Amino acid sequence: MHGEGMTENADLEALRGEVRSFLEAEKPHGWRDASRTQEDFVKTQRDWFAKLVKAGYAIPHWPKEYPGGGRSLAEQKVIYEELAKADCPRLLLSFVSTYHAFATLHECASEEQKAKYMPRILEGETWCQGFSEPGAGSDLAALKCKAVREVRDGKEVYVVNGQKVWSTMAQFADMCLLLVRTSSEGAKQAGITYLLMDMKTPGVSVSPIHQIQGDEEFSEIFLDNVEIPVEQRVGEEGKGWAVAQATLASERGLTLMELGYRMRGALGRVAELIRTHGHEEDRGVLRDFGTLVTEVDAVCAIADRFLDNRIKGVERIGDASIVKNAYSRALRAYSKLGLRLGGMAEQYVAPITFGDLNTGNWMADFMNSYAWTIAGGSEEVQRNIIAERMLEMPREPKSWVV
């Protein structure tokens, strides 16, 4: 065993060296300044994704039959750590594609659907998610976007009408993971169907949501008699809720492993603020920084356990919710400390393109951290999932209006 461990460590160090050499030669320099407009942001993102795919570092969590896939948990950690240390742009544009769409297709789609769509993701096809609606956010099962099965021009299609909201970067998407209601009978979850929608289909219109800090990360999607072929349904009609759980589990757990390690790599930005603002002898600041480092390390450990359980096939309902809540709290603490240490110089929010912990704008990052307590299911919803479905505690009583 001792020899095997030494061999594994040597292999990981060799991989680390390979990734570092690649990044030294290929990582985009000045990418923040080169991403100030949406057009430049999209180009930077697509160029960087293409380079990572070619090098085999874009999808280490995918199966081994795909380029760069089949990596062990330890190998994935090495790749994410080095990308974070090198301060490379996070793949925001392809995030839904390589995590949410991948998890859904890999776990629930037909072989024909996998063969059709998975390679296209690696070619740069961008996906978005059409789940939330104006009246169905935290209560996703209350969605009303309606789909009626009909025969048009000799083909069976779903004719969809409705609206989706808070769809990340839908204005640039080629495909959409879409939840629709095909029945109103029985429980709310029972009438939901899962479709794969081409965003260029007639009747689809997208309206970006302009945010207060100048960002347009989210969009509304309007669907007016949109025809989606029946063969683009994932799973059975009316059984889309179960498919959606694969998407949501990815959003709450799998994606956050990468983000946890990116946050760990970005701790250097906080350390730099401590040095440049003269806090190196401030015990209170050093205490708070030490607490933050511990919290980020805990997030990484929780995410590691989640992925290890998934690999072993012993993932439990609620595991992804634990990762999600731990990450969102750590992100808030990280951005709050950075904002505090930066002083008045960091209080102004200049217009930005797609907020993230990598923007270099502490106020924008701080505001964006609060979105993480809502996106993918609010903290309150996640706590209920953990309490009721994992710990088997009594359900929260419904409030009654007298």
Protein backbone atom coordinates (compact mmCIF):
# COMPACT_ATOMS: atom_id res chain seq x y z
CA MET A 1 0.00 0.00 0.00
CA HIS A 2 2.85 2.32 0.86
CA GLY A 3 4.33 1.88 -2.61
CA GLU A 4 0.97 2.43 -4.25
CA GLY A 5 0.51 5.66 -2.30
CA MET A 6 3.91 6.92 -3.39
CA THR A 7 3.13 6.10 -7.00
CA GLU A 8 -0.21 7.90 -6.79
CA ASN A 9 1.42 10.98 -5.29
CA ALA A 10 4.07 10.96 -8.00
CA ASP A 11 1.37 10.71 -10.67
CA LEU A 12 -0.53 13.63 -9.13
CA GLU A 13 2.60 15.77 -8.99
CA ALA A 14 3.30 14.91 -12.62
CA LEU A 15 -0.24 15.99 -13.51
CA ARG A 16 0.23 19.19 -11.52
CA GLY A 17 3.38 19.93 -13.47
CA GLU A 18 1.61 19.31 -16.77
CA VAL A 19 -1.25 21.64 -15.86
CA ARG A 20 1.14 24.35 -14.71
CA SER A 21 3.16 24.13 -17.92
CA PHE A 22 -0.03 24.38 -19.96
CA LEU A 23 -1.25 27.40 -17.98
CA GLU A 24 2.08 29.20 -18.25
CA ALA A 25 1.87 28.91 -22.02
CA GLU A 26 -1.86 29.27 -22.66
CA LYS A 27 -3.71 31.07 -19.85
CA PRO A 28 -5.35 34.32 -20.99
CA HIS A 29 -3.62 37.42 -19.63
CA GLY A 30 -5.57 40.58 -18.88
CA TRP A 31 -8.82 38.67 -19.28
CA ARG A 32 -10.73 40.94 -16.89
CA ASP A 33 -10.04 44.04 -18.96
CA ALA A 34 -10.74 42.01 -22.10
CA SER A 35 -14.21 41.07 -20.82
CA ARG A 36 -15.73 44.48 -20.15
CA THR A 37 -18.27 44.23 -22.96
CA GLN A 38 -20.59 41.28 -23.45
CA GLU A 39 -19.18 40.55 -26.90
CA ASP A 40 -15.62 40.43 -25.58
CA PHE A 41 -16.71 38.37 -22.59
CA VAL A 42 -18.30 35.74 -24.83
CA LYS A 43 -15.25 35.56 -27.09
CA THR A 44 -12.85 35.24 -24.12
CA GLN A 45 -14.99 32.52 -22.57
CA ARG A 46 -15.35 30.47 -25.75
CA ASP A 47 -11.67 30.73 -26.66
CA TRP A 48 -10.60 29.62 -23.17
CA PHE A 49 -13.09 26.75 -23.09
CA ALA A 50 -11.83 25.50 -26.47
CA LYS A 51 -8.23 25.52 -25.20
CA LEU A 52 -9.16 23.62 -22.04
CA VAL A 53 -11.11 21.01 -24.02
CA LYS A 54 -8.18 20.47 -26.37
CA ALA A 55 -5.78 20.12 -23.43
CA GLY A 56 -8.10 17.73 -21.56
CA TYR A 57 -8.79 19.95 -18.54
CA ALA A 58 -12.32 21.24 -19.21
CA ILE A 59 -14.40 18.23 -18.10
CA PRO A 60 -12.43 16.07 -15.64
CA HIS A 61 -15.74 15.06 -13.98
CA TRP A 62 -17.16 13.53 -17.20
CA PRO A 63 -16.81 9.79 -17.99
CA LYS A 64 -13.55 8.54 -19.47
CA GLU A 65 -14.99 8.09 -22.97
CA TYR A 66 -14.85 11.88 -23.39
CA PRO A 67 -11.60 13.84 -23.91
CA GLY A 68 -10.08 14.59 -20.53
CA GLY A 69 -12.84 12.78 -18.64
CA GLY A 70 -12.65 9.91 -16.17
CA ARG A 71 -10.36 11.74 -13.76
CA SER A 72 -10.16 10.56 -10.18
CA LEU A 73 -11.29 12.86 -7.36
CA ALA A 74 -7.65 13.58 -6.50
CA GLU A 75 -6.86 14.47 -10.13
CA GLN A 76 -9.86 16.78 -10.36
CA LYS A 77 -8.70 18.59 -7.25
CA VAL A 78 -5.24 19.12 -8.77
CA ILE A 79 -6.71 20.62 -11.93
CA TYR A 80 -9.10 22.94 -10.05
CA GLU A 81 -6.38 24.04 -7.64
CA GLU A 82 -3.98 24.96 -10.43
CA LEU A 83 -6.63 26.82 -12.44
CA ALA A 84 -7.47 28.85 -9.32
CA LYS A 85 -3.84 29.56 -8.43
CA ALA A 86 -3.16 30.76 -11.96
CA ASP A 87 -6.12 33.17 -11.68
CA CYS A 88 -7.77 31.92 -14.86
CA PRO A 89 -11.31 32.96 -15.80
CA ARG A 90 -14.01 30.62 -14.54
CA LEU A 91 -16.01 29.05 -17.37
CA LEU A 92 -19.20 30.97 -16.66
CA LEU A 93 -20.60 30.70 -20.19
CA SER A 94 -20.25 26.91 -20.38
CA PHE A 95 -21.01 26.23 -16.70
CA VAL A 96 -24.60 25.07 -17.23
CA SER A 97 -23.50 23.04 -20.26
CA THR A 98 -20.69 21.09 -18.61
CA TYR A 99 -22.42 20.52 -15.26
CA HIS A 100 -26.22 20.85 -15.36
CA ALA A 101 -26.76 19.61 -18.92
CA PHE A 102 -24.07 16.94 -18.53
CA ALA A 103 -25.56 15.54 -15.30
CA THR A 104 -29.05 15.48 -16.80
CA LEU A 105 -28.01 13.83 -20.05
CA HIS A 106 -25.58 11.39 -18.43
CA GLU A 107 -28.00 10.17 -15.77
CA CYS A 108 -31.38 10.39 -17.49
CA ALA A 109 -31.19 10.80 -21.28
CA SER A 110 -31.46 8.10 -23.95
CA GLU A 111 -28.35 6.84 -25.71
CA GLU A 112 -29.44 8.68 -28.85
CA GLN A 113 -29.75 11.95 -26.93
CA LYS A 114 -26.34 11.52 -25.31
CA ALA A 115 -24.71 10.78 -28.66
CA LYS A 116 -26.35 13.86 -30.17
CA TYR A 117 -25.76 16.47 -27.49
CA MET A 118 -22.70 15.56 -25.41
CA PRO A 119 -20.16 16.03 -28.24
CA ARG A 120 -21.82 19.31 -29.18
CA ILE A 121 -21.19 20.66 -25.68
CA LEU A 122 -17.47 20.02 -26.16
CA GLU A 123 -17.66 21.83 -29.48
CA GLY A 124 -18.86 24.92 -27.63
CA GLU A 125 -22.65 24.58 -27.68
CA THR A 126 -24.03 26.71 -24.83
CA TRP A 127 -26.94 25.61 -22.64
CA CYS A 128 -29.21 27.49 -20.25
CA GLN A 129 -31.80 26.36 -17.73
CA GLY A 130 -35.53 27.09 -17.99
CA PHE A 131 -36.82 26.14 -14.54
CA SER A 132 -37.91 29.17 -12.48
CA GLU A 133 -40.97 31.25 -13.30
CA PRO A 134 -42.34 34.52 -11.86
CA GLY A 135 -44.67 32.48 -9.62
CA ALA A 136 -42.48 29.40 -9.20
CA GLY A 137 -39.10 30.19 -7.69
CA SER A 138 -38.51 28.51 -4.35
CA ASP A 139 -41.62 26.41 -5.04
CA LEU A 140 -40.47 25.06 -8.38
CA ALA A 141 -43.26 22.48 -8.57
CA ALA A 142 -45.76 25.36 -8.90
CA LEU A 143 -44.60 26.06 -12.46
CA LYS A 144 -47.32 26.82 -15.02
CA CYS A 145 -45.47 26.86 -18.36
CA LYS A 146 -47.87 24.68 -20.36
CA ALA A 147 -47.07 22.05 -22.99
CA VAL A 148 -49.74 20.32 -25.08
CA ARG A 149 -48.90 17.24 -27.13
CA GLU A 150 -50.11 17.55 -30.72
CA VAL A 151 -49.41 16.31 -34.24
CA ARG A 152 -48.29 19.10 -36.56
CA ASP A 153 -47.08 18.56 -40.11
CA GLY A 154 -47.06 14.83 -39.49
CA LYS A 155 -44.78 15.08 -36.43
CA GLU A 156 -45.56 14.68 -32.75
CA VAL A 157 -44.57 17.81 -30.86
CA TYR A 158 -45.16 19.59 -27.59
CA VAL A 159 -46.63 23.06 -28.13
CA VAL A 160 -45.29 25.19 -25.30
CA ASN A 161 -46.57 28.51 -23.95
CA GLY A 162 -45.33 30.36 -20.90
CA GLN A 163 -42.49 32.27 -19.33
CA LYS A 164 -39.23 31.47 -17.54
CA VAL A 165 -37.10 33.85 -15.49
CA TRP A 166 -33.63 34.06 -13.88
CA SER A 167 -32.14 31.95 -16.65
CA THR A 168 -28.38 32.49 -16.49
CA MET A 169 -26.92 33.82 -19.76
CA ALA A 170 -29.88 32.59 -21.79
CA GLN A 171 -29.23 35.41 -24.28
CA PHE A 172 -26.18 33.46 -25.48
CA ALA A 173 -27.58 29.92 -25.23
CA ASP A 174 -28.09 27.45 -28.06
CA MET A 175 -30.11 24.93 -26.01
CA CYS A 176 -32.31 24.99 -22.91
CA LEU A 177 -33.12 22.48 -20.17
CA LEU A 178 -36.85 23.15 -19.94
CA LEU A 179 -39.46 22.12 -17.38
CA VAL A 180 -43.08 22.28 -18.57
CA ARG A 181 -46.47 21.26 -17.24
CA THR A 182 -48.23 18.59 -19.28
CA SER A 183 -50.92 17.78 -16.69
CA SER A 184 -52.67 19.49 -13.78
CA GLU A 185 -54.04 16.29 -12.25
CA GLY A 186 -52.70 14.82 -9.02
CA ALA A 187 -49.70 16.19 -7.14
CA LYS A 188 -47.93 19.24 -8.63
CA GLN A 189 -44.78 17.25 -9.30
CA ALA A 190 -46.68 14.54 -11.19
CA GLY A 191 -47.59 16.71 -14.17
CA ILE A 192 -44.12 18.05 -15.00
CA THR A 193 -42.23 16.98 -18.14
CA TYR A 194 -38.57 17.62 -19.00
CA LEU A 195 -37.69 18.85 -22.52
CA LEU A 196 -34.56 19.85 -24.43
CA MET A 197 -35.35 23.02 -26.36
CA ASP A 198 -33.44 24.58 -29.24
CA MET A 199 -33.28 28.30 -28.44
CA LYS A 200 -33.56 29.14 -32.14
CA THR A 201 -37.01 27.56 -32.37
CA PRO A 202 -39.68 29.99 -33.64
CA GLY A 203 -41.63 31.50 -30.77
CA VAL A 204 -38.67 31.68 -28.35
CA SER A 205 -37.67 35.19 -27.29
CA VAL A 206 -35.13 36.20 -24.66
CA SER A 207 -34.99 39.43 -22.67
CA PRO A 208 -31.90 40.10 -20.50
CA ILE A 209 -32.57 41.48 -17.01
CA HIS A 210 -30.54 44.64 -16.39
CA GLN A 211 -29.22 44.57 -12.83
CA ILE A 212 -28.50 47.53 -10.57
CA GLN A 213 -24.71 47.19 -10.82
CA GLY A 214 -24.75 47.16 -14.62
CA ASP A 215 -24.66 43.38 -15.06
CA GLU A 216 -27.00 41.28 -17.22
CA GLU A 217 -26.31 37.80 -15.90
CA PHE A 218 -29.93 36.63 -16.04
CA SER A 219 -32.68 36.66 -18.63
CA GLU A 220 -36.38 36.06 -19.08
CA ILE A 221 -37.47 33.52 -21.69
CA PHE A 222 -40.87 33.91 -23.37
CA LEU A 223 -42.41 30.92 -25.15
CA ASP A 224 -45.20 31.55 -27.66
CA ASN A 225 -46.52 28.39 -29.37
CA VAL A 226 -43.05 26.86 -29.42
CA GLU A 227 -42.98 23.42 -31.05
CA ILE A 228 -40.59 20.94 -29.47
CA PRO A 229 -40.34 17.42 -30.97
CA VAL A 230 -41.42 14.62 -28.63
CA GLU A 231 -38.06 12.89 -29.14
CA GLN A 232 -36.46 15.83 -27.27
CA ARG A 233 -38.19 14.79 -24.07
CA VAL A 234 -35.95 13.35 -21.32
CA GLY A 235 -37.61 10.48 -19.48
CA GLU A 236 -41.32 9.79 -19.53
CA GLU A 237 -44.08 12.34 -19.88
CA GLY A 238 -45.13 13.57 -16.45
CA LYS A 239 -41.97 12.20 -14.83
CA GLY A 240 -39.82 15.29 -15.36
CA TRP A 241 -39.62 16.10 -11.66
CA ALA A 242 -37.39 13.07 -11.08
CA VAL A 243 -35.15 14.13 -13.99
CA ALA A 244 -34.96 17.66 -12.59
CA GLN A 245 -33.48 16.28 -9.38
CA ALA A 246 -30.38 15.19 -11.34
CA THR A 247 -30.00 18.75 -12.63
CA LEU A 248 -30.54 20.30 -9.20
CA ALA A 249 -28.20 17.84 -7.45
CA SER A 250 -25.48 18.88 -9.89
CA GLU A 251 -26.19 22.56 -9.27
CA ARG A 252 -26.13 22.13 -5.49
CA GLY A 253 -23.23 19.72 -5.19
CA LEU A 254 -21.09 18.78 -8.17
CA THR A 255 -20.55 22.32 -9.46
CA LEU A 256 -19.58 23.59 -6.03
CA MET A 257 -16.58 21.31 -5.75
CA GLU A 258 -14.86 23.35 -8.45
CA LEU A 259 -16.05 26.63 -6.94
CA GLY A 260 -14.82 25.63 -3.49
CA TYR A 261 -11.31 25.07 -4.79
CA ARG A 262 -11.47 28.28 -6.78
CA MET A 263 -12.38 30.14 -3.61
CA ARG A 264 -9.45 28.51 -1.83
CA GLY A 265 -7.17 29.70 -4.62
CA ALA A 266 -8.69 33.18 -4.43
CA LEU A 267 -7.83 33.48 -0.72
CA GLY A 268 -4.57 34.97 -1.95
CA ARG A 269 -6.52 38.07 -2.94
CA VAL A 270 -7.59 38.55 0.69
CA ALA A 271 -4.04 37.93 1.89
CA GLU A 272 -2.82 40.60 -0.53
CA LEU A 273 -5.30 43.11 0.94
CA ILE A 274 -3.95 42.33 4.41
CA ARG A 275 -0.42 43.11 3.23
CA THR A 276 -1.18 46.20 1.15
CA HIS A 277 -3.46 47.80 3.77
CA GLY A 278 -1.12 47.28 6.70
CA HIS A 279 -3.08 44.66 8.62
CA GLU A 280 -0.25 42.19 9.09
CA GLU A 281 -0.04 42.92 12.84
CA ASP A 282 -3.79 43.30 13.39
CA ARG A 283 -4.77 40.28 15.45
CA GLY A 284 -8.47 40.79 14.81
CA VAL A 285 -7.98 40.76 11.05
CA LEU A 286 -5.64 37.76 11.22
CA ARG A 287 -8.19 35.93 13.38
CA ASP A 288 -10.97 36.64 10.89
CA PHE A 289 -8.75 35.54 7.99
CA GLY A 290 -7.87 32.32 9.82
CA THR A 291 -11.57 31.65 10.42
CA LEU A 292 -12.27 32.20 6.72
CA VAL A 293 -9.48 29.84 5.65
CA THR A 294 -10.89 27.16 7.95
CA GLU A 295 -14.40 27.69 6.58
CA VAL A 296 -13.21 27.42 2.97
CA ASP A 297 -11.24 24.26 3.78
CA ALA A 298 -14.40 22.81 5.34
CA VAL A 299 -16.39 23.55 2.17
CA CYS A 300 -13.77 21.74 0.08
CA ALA A 301 -13.86 18.75 2.43
CA ILE A 302 -17.67 18.60 2.33
CA ALA A 303 -17.65 18.83 -1.48
CA ASP A 304 -14.99 16.08 -1.63
CA ARG A 305 -17.18 13.80 0.44
CA PHE A 306 -20.20 14.56 -1.75
CA LEU A 307 -18.35 13.66 -4.94
CA ASP A 308 -16.79 10.57 -3.37
CA ASN A 309 -20.25 9.37 -2.29
CA ARG A 310 -21.56 9.99 -5.79
CA ILE A 311 -18.70 8.04 -7.37
CA LYS A 312 -19.33 5.14 -4.97
CA GLY A 313 -23.08 5.25 -5.61
CA VAL A 314 -23.96 6.00 -1.98
CA GLU A 315 -25.06 9.63 -2.34
CA ARG A 316 -27.94 10.48 0.00
CA ILE A 317 -30.83 12.87 -0.45
CA GLY A 318 -29.67 16.05 1.25
CA ASP A 319 -25.93 15.64 0.59
CA ALA A 320 -26.02 18.23 -2.21
CA SER A 321 -28.01 20.62 0.00
CA ILE A 322 -25.28 20.48 2.66
CA VAL A 323 -22.64 21.42 0.07
CA LYS A 324 -24.79 24.21 -1.30
CA ASN A 325 -25.44 25.88 2.05
CA ALA A 326 -21.82 25.53 3.20
CA TYR A 327 -20.51 27.11 -0.01
CA SER A 328 -22.95 30.04 -0.07
CA ARG A 329 -22.11 30.96 3.53
CA ALA A 330 -18.36 30.73 2.93
CA LEU A 331 -18.66 32.85 -0.22
CA ARG A 332 -20.49 35.53 1.72
CA ALA A 333 -17.81 35.52 4.45
CA TYR A 334 -15.03 35.65 1.83
CA SER A 335 -16.44 38.61 -0.08
CA LYS A 336 -17.46 40.44 3.11
CA LEU A 337 -13.94 40.27 4.54
CA GLY A 338 -12.42 41.39 1.24
CA LEU A 339 -14.82 44.33 1.04
CA ARG A 340 -14.06 45.33 4.62
CA LEU A 341 -10.28 45.18 4.17
CA GLY A 342 -10.41 47.08 0.90
CA GLY A 343 -11.87 50.13 2.63
CA MET A 344 -13.63 53.00 0.89
CA ALA A 345 -11.81 52.33 -2.37
CA GLU A 346 -13.85 49.16 -2.80
CA GLN A 347 -17.27 50.69 -2.04
CA TYR A 348 -17.93 51.99 -5.56
CA VAL A 349 -19.38 49.51 -8.04
CA ALA A 350 -18.33 50.18 -11.62
CA PRO A 351 -20.36 48.47 -14.36
CA ILE A 352 -19.24 44.86 -14.72
CA THR A 353 -19.90 41.91 -16.99
CA PHE A 354 -21.20 38.83 -15.20
CA GLY A 355 -20.41 38.98 -11.52
CA ASP A 356 -18.33 36.25 -9.94
CA LEU A 357 -15.77 35.91 -7.18
CA ASN A 358 -13.14 36.50 -9.88
CA THR A 359 -14.23 39.98 -10.99
CA GLY A 360 -11.71 41.84 -8.84
CA ASN A 361 -14.56 44.15 -7.79
CA TRP A 362 -15.16 43.44 -4.09
CA MET A 363 -18.48 45.25 -3.79
CA ALA A 364 -19.87 43.45 -6.84
CA ASP A 365 -18.60 40.13 -5.52
CA PHE A 366 -20.17 40.85 -2.12
CA MET A 367 -23.58 41.61 -3.64
CA ASN A 368 -23.34 38.59 -5.90
CA SER A 369 -22.61 36.34 -2.92
CA TYR A 370 -26.16 36.88 -1.67
CA ALA A 371 -27.55 35.50 -4.92
CA TRP A 372 -25.90 32.18 -4.05
CA THR A 373 -28.12 31.86 -0.98
CA ILE A 374 -31.12 31.81 -3.34
CA ALA A 375 -29.96 30.31 -6.65
CA GLY A 376 -30.49 26.56 -6.92
CA GLY A 377 -32.89 26.62 -3.97
CA SER A 378 -32.84 29.02 -1.03
CA GLU A 379 -31.03 28.25 2.21
CA GLU A 380 -34.38 27.71 3.91
CA VAL A 381 -35.44 25.15 1.31
CA GLN A 382 -32.11 23.33 1.63
CA ARG A 383 -32.43 23.17 5.41
CA ASN A 384 -35.90 21.68 5.05
CA ILE A 385 -34.55 19.04 2.65
CA ILE A 386 -31.79 18.13 5.12
CA ALA A 387 -34.15 18.05 8.10
CA GLU A 388 -37.09 16.24 6.52
CA ARG A 389 -35.55 13.95 3.92
CA MET A 390 -32.14 13.20 5.40
CA LEU A 391 -32.75 13.39 9.16
CA GLU A 392 -36.41 12.27 8.85
CA MET A 393 -37.63 15.02 11.13
CA PRO A 394 -41.34 16.03 11.09
CA ARG A 395 -42.36 18.23 8.19
CA GLU A 396 -42.59 21.94 8.85
CA PRO A 397 -46.25 22.76 9.65
CA LYS A 398 -48.12 24.78 7.07
CA SER A 399 -49.25 28.21 8.11
CA TRP A 400 -52.98 28.81 8.18
CA VAL A 401 -54.63 32.11 7.34
CA VAL A 402 -57.72 32.73 9.49
